[in-house]
């Protein structure tokens, strides 16, 4: 029986990937930080390796005897009080996992990057893997910069001969979004009546199970040193909210907030956060990102990996059902 090591297995994409690997007949070892929430792995036949991305002994124990390594763990927050913490996890952690896996003779290392590492188009057309930033200063926000630099480090190691393939998920939606992620928060804000208006922006909505399958396909068919976008349907935020309205019967917001108004509110909100050290309701980096239509072309993954994402409506419906079933939605709304 082949064995796979998964970092980030307790998280959103990782929990779906762990389930897929078990379905494929693999033995799974999952890295989990001490004291972390492991609810997403309850009832699964998984060997827990306790430690973090900076813990060399834990990484060696996780990679030992494995055919595959899937590095999915990341510090995914749009706002962070200390960028050094995020950079250590996302950049140095990535280097640590890849080098440790290669030293353990892992056959294929799949690095979960992000479309954050791909430069979005200036027009409302989807970007593909050829769209690149010229330098890190062009990348907006601490999170996106960390993912850009982490992918650069991963590809440098691939070019040195290490068996690394990168996948770039777009906006995953679906079950086991336990935190939830920033994308999941959009759905929750809608479900809980906390979205009176919307910004004119766009996302590539993809079912998280398709993202998990994309990782597996990359391990089987991906070319070393290449990256593959794992996206879905390119929709405006208004279209997403209208689909959610059709699924739930809840009214979609009709008022569009001008970008300048959203920016001013976010700037004031950030100033308040600095004074109170509390997470902002509307991070300024999120508003800056929203200026771009984050639409992406998954054609390379379709052609080379056999990737075939489900409709966005299915992803949104499954996310709504999971959030309701797990107590994230106010009872009056859930009814």
Protein backbone atom coordinates (compact mmCIF):
# COMPACT_ATOMS: atom_id res chain seq x y z
CA UNK A 1 0.00 0.00 0.00
CA UNK A 2 1.38 3.41 -1.01
CA UNK A 3 1.68 6.07 1.69
CA UNK A 4 1.13 9.81 1.36
CA UNK A 5 2.18 12.60 3.70
CA UNK A 6 -0.17 15.59 3.83
CA UNK A 7 0.59 18.90 5.50
CA UNK A 8 -2.50 20.97 6.25
CA UNK A 9 -4.67 17.87 6.51
CA UNK A 10 -6.74 19.39 9.32
CA UNK A 11 -7.64 22.36 7.12
CA UNK A 12 -10.13 22.96 4.34
CA UNK A 13 -8.42 21.71 1.18
CA UNK A 14 -6.28 19.25 3.15
CA UNK A 15 -9.24 17.51 4.79
CA UNK A 16 -10.85 16.95 1.41
CA UNK A 17 -7.55 15.69 0.00
CA UNK A 18 -7.06 13.26 2.91
CA UNK A 19 -10.51 11.79 2.24
CA UNK A 20 -9.75 11.41 -1.46
CA UNK A 21 -6.42 9.68 -0.80
CA UNK A 22 -8.07 7.22 1.58
CA UNK A 23 -10.71 6.52 -1.11
CA UNK A 24 -7.83 5.84 -3.54
CA UNK A 25 -6.52 3.18 -1.17
CA UNK A 26 -3.54 5.06 0.23
CA UNK A 27 -2.27 5.10 3.78
CA UNK A 28 -2.21 8.73 4.95
CA UNK A 29 0.01 10.53 7.42
CA UNK A 30 -1.05 14.07 8.32
CA UNK A 31 0.96 16.82 9.98
CA UNK A 32 -0.92 18.57 12.78
CA UNK A 33 0.27 21.27 15.14
CA UNK A 34 0.16 20.59 18.85
CA UNK A 35 -3.23 21.65 20.21
CA UNK A 36 -4.70 22.20 16.74
CA UNK A 37 -8.35 21.55 15.92
CA UNK A 38 -8.48 18.06 14.39
CA UNK A 39 -12.24 17.84 13.96
CA UNK A 40 -11.88 17.62 10.16
CA UNK A 41 -10.08 14.28 10.55
CA UNK A 42 -12.37 12.68 13.13
CA UNK A 43 -13.30 9.10 12.26
CA UNK A 44 -10.68 8.78 9.52
CA UNK A 45 -7.90 6.23 9.42
CA UNK A 46 -5.05 8.74 9.49
CA UNK A 47 -1.71 8.67 11.27
CA UNK A 48 -1.20 12.03 12.97
CA UNK A 49 2.35 13.40 12.99
CA UNK A 50 2.47 16.17 15.59
CA UNK A 51 4.54 19.20 14.69
CA UNK A 52 4.68 22.19 12.36
CA UNK A 53 6.38 23.29 9.17
CA UNK A 54 9.47 24.49 11.04
CA UNK A 55 9.87 21.20 12.94
CA UNK A 56 12.46 19.15 11.07
CA UNK A 57 12.01 15.98 13.11
CA UNK A 58 8.23 15.99 12.53
CA UNK A 59 8.70 16.52 8.79
CA UNK A 60 11.20 13.67 8.60
CA UNK A 61 8.81 11.37 10.45
CA UNK A 62 5.98 12.39 8.12
CA UNK A 63 7.95 11.87 4.90
CA UNK A 64 9.56 8.59 5.94
CA UNK A 65 8.35 5.69 3.80
CA UNK A 66 6.07 7.86 1.64
CA UNK A 67 5.63 7.69 -2.11
CA UNK A 68 3.85 11.04 -2.25
CA UNK A 69 4.01 14.30 -0.30
CA UNK A 70 1.27 16.92 -0.59
CA UNK A 71 2.22 20.25 0.93
CA UNK A 72 -1.13 21.96 1.49
CA UNK A 73 -0.54 23.76 4.79
CA UNK A 74 -0.38 27.56 4.68
CA UNK A 75 -1.10 30.57 6.82
CA UNK A 76 -4.11 31.84 4.85
CA UNK A 77 -5.24 35.18 6.21
CA UNK A 78 -5.85 38.40 4.32
CA UNK A 79 -4.82 40.42 7.37
CA UNK A 80 -2.03 39.45 9.72
CA UNK A 81 -0.59 41.50 12.61
CA UNK A 82 2.94 40.09 12.13
CA UNK A 83 3.98 39.37 8.52
CA UNK A 84 7.13 37.55 9.74
CA UNK A 85 4.97 34.74 11.16
CA UNK A 86 3.17 34.29 7.85
CA UNK A 87 6.40 34.39 5.85
CA UNK A 88 8.05 31.79 8.09
CA UNK A 89 5.15 29.36 7.60
CA UNK A 90 4.48 29.96 3.93
CA UNK A 91 7.98 30.46 2.54
CA UNK A 92 10.44 28.69 4.85
CA UNK A 93 7.86 26.02 5.64
CA UNK A 94 7.52 25.22 1.94
CA UNK A 95 11.29 24.90 1.51
CA UNK A 96 11.48 22.68 4.58
CA UNK A 97 8.79 20.28 3.38
CA UNK A 98 10.17 19.96 -0.15
CA UNK A 99 13.77 19.41 0.94
CA UNK A 100 12.77 16.91 3.61
CA UNK A 101 10.53 14.99 1.21
CA UNK A 102 13.25 14.88 -1.44
CA UNK A 103 15.79 13.67 1.12
CA UNK A 104 13.36 10.86 2.01
CA UNK A 105 13.20 9.81 -1.67
CA UNK A 106 9.55 10.77 -2.06
CA UNK A 107 8.61 10.07 -5.67
CA UNK A 108 6.41 13.12 -6.26
CA UNK A 109 5.94 16.30 -4.22
CA UNK A 110 2.81 18.33 -4.96
CA UNK A 111 2.97 21.90 -3.67
CA UNK A 112 -0.34 23.67 -3.16
CA UNK A 113 0.39 27.18 -4.30
CA UNK A 114 -2.43 29.61 -5.13
CA UNK A 115 -3.69 31.84 -7.90
CA UNK A 116 -2.37 34.53 -5.54
CA UNK A 117 1.03 33.74 -7.14
CA UNK A 118 -0.34 34.42 -10.64
CA UNK A 119 -0.73 37.97 -11.90
CA UNK A 120 -4.41 38.72 -12.56
CA UNK A 121 -5.41 40.29 -15.86
CA UNK A 122 -5.97 44.04 -16.16
CA UNK A 123 -9.09 43.37 -18.22
CA UNK A 124 -11.97 41.02 -17.52
CA UNK A 125 -10.33 38.05 -19.18
CA UNK A 126 -9.01 34.94 -17.42
CA UNK A 127 -5.27 34.68 -16.73
CA UNK A 128 -3.33 31.46 -17.23
CA UNK A 129 -0.03 30.05 -15.94
CA UNK A 130 1.97 32.32 -18.23
CA UNK A 131 0.81 35.43 -16.35
CA UNK A 132 3.65 36.33 -13.99
CA UNK A 133 4.68 39.16 -11.73
CA UNK A 134 7.97 40.85 -12.55
CA UNK A 135 8.95 41.28 -8.90
CA UNK A 136 7.48 40.80 -5.46
CA UNK A 137 6.75 44.53 -5.02
CA UNK A 138 4.06 44.21 -7.70
CA UNK A 139 2.18 41.61 -5.64
CA UNK A 140 -0.57 43.17 -3.47
CA UNK A 141 -0.71 42.21 0.21
CA UNK A 142 1.36 40.17 2.62
CA UNK A 143 -0.46 36.88 1.99
CA UNK A 144 -0.13 37.04 -1.80
CA UNK A 145 3.51 38.07 -1.52
CA UNK A 146 4.24 35.10 0.74
CA UNK A 147 2.59 32.68 -1.69
CA UNK A 148 4.42 34.23 -4.64
CA UNK A 149 7.79 33.87 -2.91
CA UNK A 150 6.96 30.35 -1.71
CA UNK A 151 6.14 29.25 -5.26
CA UNK A 152 9.33 30.83 -6.55
CA UNK A 153 11.29 28.84 -3.96
CA UNK A 154 9.43 25.62 -4.84
CA UNK A 155 10.09 26.04 -8.57
CA UNK A 156 13.76 26.83 -7.91
CA UNK A 157 14.02 23.49 -6.09
CA UNK A 158 12.23 21.75 -8.97
CA UNK A 159 14.74 23.22 -11.40
CA UNK A 160 17.49 21.78 -9.21
CA UNK A 161 16.03 18.33 -9.86
CA UNK A 162 13.63 17.84 -6.96
CA UNK A 163 10.33 16.16 -8.04
CA UNK A 164 8.03 19.15 -7.43
CA UNK A 165 4.77 19.98 -9.21
CA UNK A 166 2.73 23.06 -8.21
CA UNK A 167 -1.04 23.47 -8.31
CA UNK A 168 -2.74 26.85 -8.04
CA UNK A 169 -6.28 26.62 -6.63
CA UNK A 170 -8.59 29.55 -7.35
CA UNK A 171 -11.49 30.10 -4.90
CA UNK A 172 -12.37 26.72 -3.35
CA UNK A 173 -15.91 26.27 -2.03
CA UNK A 174 -17.49 23.31 -0.25
CA UNK A 175 -17.46 21.16 2.90
CA UNK A 176 -14.96 21.17 5.79
CA UNK A 177 -14.26 24.92 5.61
CA UNK A 178 -13.82 24.83 9.35
CA UNK A 179 -12.23 28.25 10.05
CA UNK A 180 -13.77 29.42 7.58
CA UNK A 181 -11.53 30.74 4.77
CA UNK A 182 -11.94 34.31 3.44
CA UNK A 183 -13.94 32.91 0.49
CA UNK A 184 -16.12 30.90 2.85
CA UNK A 185 -16.76 34.05 4.87
CA UNK A 186 -18.41 35.60 1.82
CA UNK A 187 -20.94 32.76 1.80
CA UNK A 188 -21.45 32.98 5.56
CA UNK A 189 -21.94 36.74 5.47
CA UNK A 190 -24.65 36.20 2.86
CA UNK A 191 -26.30 33.40 4.83
CA UNK A 192 -26.25 35.38 8.07
CA UNK A 193 -27.60 38.60 6.54
CA UNK A 194 -24.36 40.54 6.91
CA UNK A 195 -23.95 41.54 3.27
CA UNK A 196 -26.10 44.61 2.52
CA UNK A 197 -24.12 45.42 -0.65
CA UNK A 198 -21.41 44.06 -2.91
CA UNK A 199 -18.28 45.19 -4.77
CA UNK A 200 -17.90 44.84 -8.53
CA UNK A 201 -15.32 42.06 -8.60
CA UNK A 202 -14.98 38.47 -9.76
CA UNK A 203 -13.79 35.05 -8.58
CA UNK A 204 -13.11 31.67 -10.13
CA UNK A 205 -15.37 29.41 -8.05
CA UNK A 206 -14.28 25.78 -7.79
CA UNK A 207 -15.54 22.87 -5.72
CA UNK A 208 -13.00 21.97 -3.06
CA UNK A 209 -13.32 18.29 -4.00
CA UNK A 210 -12.16 19.16 -7.52
CA UNK A 211 -9.18 20.97 -6.01
CA UNK A 212 -8.37 17.84 -4.00
CA UNK A 213 -8.67 15.70 -7.13
CA UNK A 214 -6.43 18.16 -8.97
CA UNK A 215 -3.70 17.48 -6.39
CA UNK A 216 -3.97 13.75 -7.03
CA UNK A 217 -3.95 14.21 -10.81
CA UNK A 218 -0.86 16.40 -10.51
CA UNK A 219 0.89 13.65 -8.56
CA UNK A 220 0.04 11.16 -11.31
CA UNK A 221 0.39 13.21 -14.49
CA UNK A 222 1.90 16.60 -13.66
CA UNK A 223 5.22 17.61 -15.17
CA UNK A 224 7.99 18.43 -12.72
CA UNK A 225 8.65 22.15 -12.49
CA UNK A 226 5.24 23.09 -13.93
CA UNK A 227 2.26 24.79 -12.29
CA UNK A 228 -1.39 24.05 -12.95
CA UNK A 229 -4.32 26.36 -12.23
CA UNK A 230 -7.21 24.56 -10.51
CA UNK A 231 -10.11 26.90 -11.17
CA UNK A 232 -13.78 26.56 -12.01
CA UNK A 233 -16.42 28.99 -13.24
CA UNK A 234 -15.40 32.62 -13.59
CA UNK A 235 -18.24 34.63 -12.03
CA UNK A 236 -18.80 38.16 -10.79
CA UNK A 237 -19.50 38.51 -7.08
CA UNK A 238 -23.03 39.60 -8.03
CA UNK A 239 -23.53 36.37 -9.99
CA UNK A 240 -22.29 34.34 -7.03
CA UNK A 241 -24.73 36.10 -4.69
CA UNK A 242 -27.58 35.58 -7.16
CA UNK A 243 -26.81 31.84 -7.29
CA UNK A 244 -26.76 31.74 -3.48
CA UNK A 245 -30.11 33.49 -3.49
CA UNK A 246 -31.52 30.85 -5.84
CA UNK A 247 -30.18 28.06 -3.61
CA UNK A 248 -31.41 29.49 -0.31
CA UNK A 249 -34.37 31.71 -1.16
CA UNK A 250 -32.64 34.61 0.63
CA UNK A 251 -32.59 37.98 -1.15
CA UNK A 252 -29.37 38.96 -2.91
CA UNK A 253 -28.05 42.47 -2.17
CA UNK A 254 -28.97 44.99 -4.83
CA UNK A 255 -26.70 47.91 -3.91
CA UNK A 256 -23.22 48.05 -5.42
CA UNK A 257 -20.66 49.78 -3.21
CA UNK A 258 -18.30 52.02 -5.23
CA UNK A 259 -14.67 50.99 -4.93
CA UNK A 260 -13.66 54.37 -3.49
CA UNK A 261 -16.22 54.01 -0.69
CA UNK A 262 -15.11 50.46 0.10
CA UNK A 263 -11.47 51.59 0.16
CA UNK A 264 -12.16 54.48 2.51
CA UNK A 265 -14.09 52.22 4.89
CA UNK A 266 -11.33 49.59 4.82
CA UNK A 267 -8.64 52.22 5.48
CA UNK A 268 -10.54 53.49 8.52
CA UNK A 269 -11.16 49.92 9.66
CA UNK A 270 -7.44 49.14 9.41
CA UNK A 271 -6.56 52.19 11.51
CA UNK A 272 -8.96 50.95 14.18
CA UNK A 273 -7.41 47.49 14.02
CA UNK A 274 -3.91 48.87 14.58
CA UNK A 275 -5.13 50.66 17.68
CA UNK A 276 -7.00 47.66 19.09
CA UNK A 277 -4.91 44.77 17.63
CA UNK A 278 -8.18 43.16 16.53
CA UNK A 279 -8.85 41.67 13.11
CA UNK A 280 -10.49 44.18 10.76
CA UNK A 281 -13.98 43.56 9.43
CA UNK A 282 -12.82 44.65 5.96
CA UNK A 283 -9.04 44.20 5.47
CA UNK A 284 -7.55 46.83 3.18
CA UNK A 285 -5.65 44.17 1.20
CA UNK A 286 -8.94 42.40 0.48
CA UNK A 287 -10.40 45.58 -1.00
CA UNK A 288 -7.25 46.13 -3.07
CA UNK A 289 -7.53 42.58 -4.41
CA UNK A 290 -11.20 43.15 -5.23
CA UNK A 291 -10.19 45.82 -7.73
CA UNK A 292 -9.12 42.95 -10.00
CA UNK A 293 -11.44 40.34 -11.50
CA UNK A 294 -9.65 37.23 -10.26
CA UNK A 295 -10.61 35.04 -13.19
CA UNK A 296 -8.38 32.18 -14.31
CA UNK A 297 -8.07 29.67 -17.15
CA UNK A 298 -7.69 26.00 -16.11
CA UNK A 299 -7.12 24.80 -19.68
CA UNK A 300 -3.61 23.49 -18.99
CA UNK A 301 -4.87 21.28 -16.14
CA UNK A 302 -7.75 20.08 -18.32
CA UNK A 303 -5.44 19.16 -21.19
CA UNK A 304 -2.52 17.65 -19.25
CA UNK A 305 -4.13 16.28 -16.09
CA UNK A 306 -7.67 15.40 -17.16
CA UNK A 307 -9.05 17.98 -14.72
CA UNK A 308 -12.83 18.50 -15.05
CA UNK A 309 -14.36 20.84 -12.45
CA UNK A 310 -18.03 20.68 -11.45
CA UNK A 311 -20.43 23.62 -11.93
CA UNK A 312 -20.08 26.48 -9.45
CA UNK A 313 -23.69 26.05 -8.34
CA UNK A 314 -22.87 22.57 -7.00
CA UNK A 315 -19.91 23.91 -5.04
CA UNK A 316 -22.01 26.72 -3.56
CA UNK A 317 -24.90 24.40 -2.70
CA UNK A 318 -22.57 21.96 -0.94
CA UNK A 319 -20.94 24.80 1.00
CA UNK A 320 -24.33 26.14 2.12
CA UNK A 321 -25.42 22.67 3.23
CA UNK A 322 -22.20 22.08 5.19
CA UNK A 323 -22.27 25.46 6.94
CA UNK A 324 -25.90 24.94 7.92
CA UNK A 325 -25.33 21.38 9.14
CA UNK A 326 -22.36 22.45 11.26
CA UNK A 327 -23.90 25.38 13.08
CA UNK A 328 -22.34 28.31 11.23
CA UNK A 329 -25.65 29.86 10.24
CA UNK A 330 -28.08 31.66 12.52
CA UNK A 331 -31.02 29.37 13.32
CA UNK A 332 -33.59 31.83 12.01
CA UNK A 333 -31.82 32.03 8.65
CA UNK A 334 -31.06 28.31 8.49
CA UNK A 335 -34.74 27.53 8.86
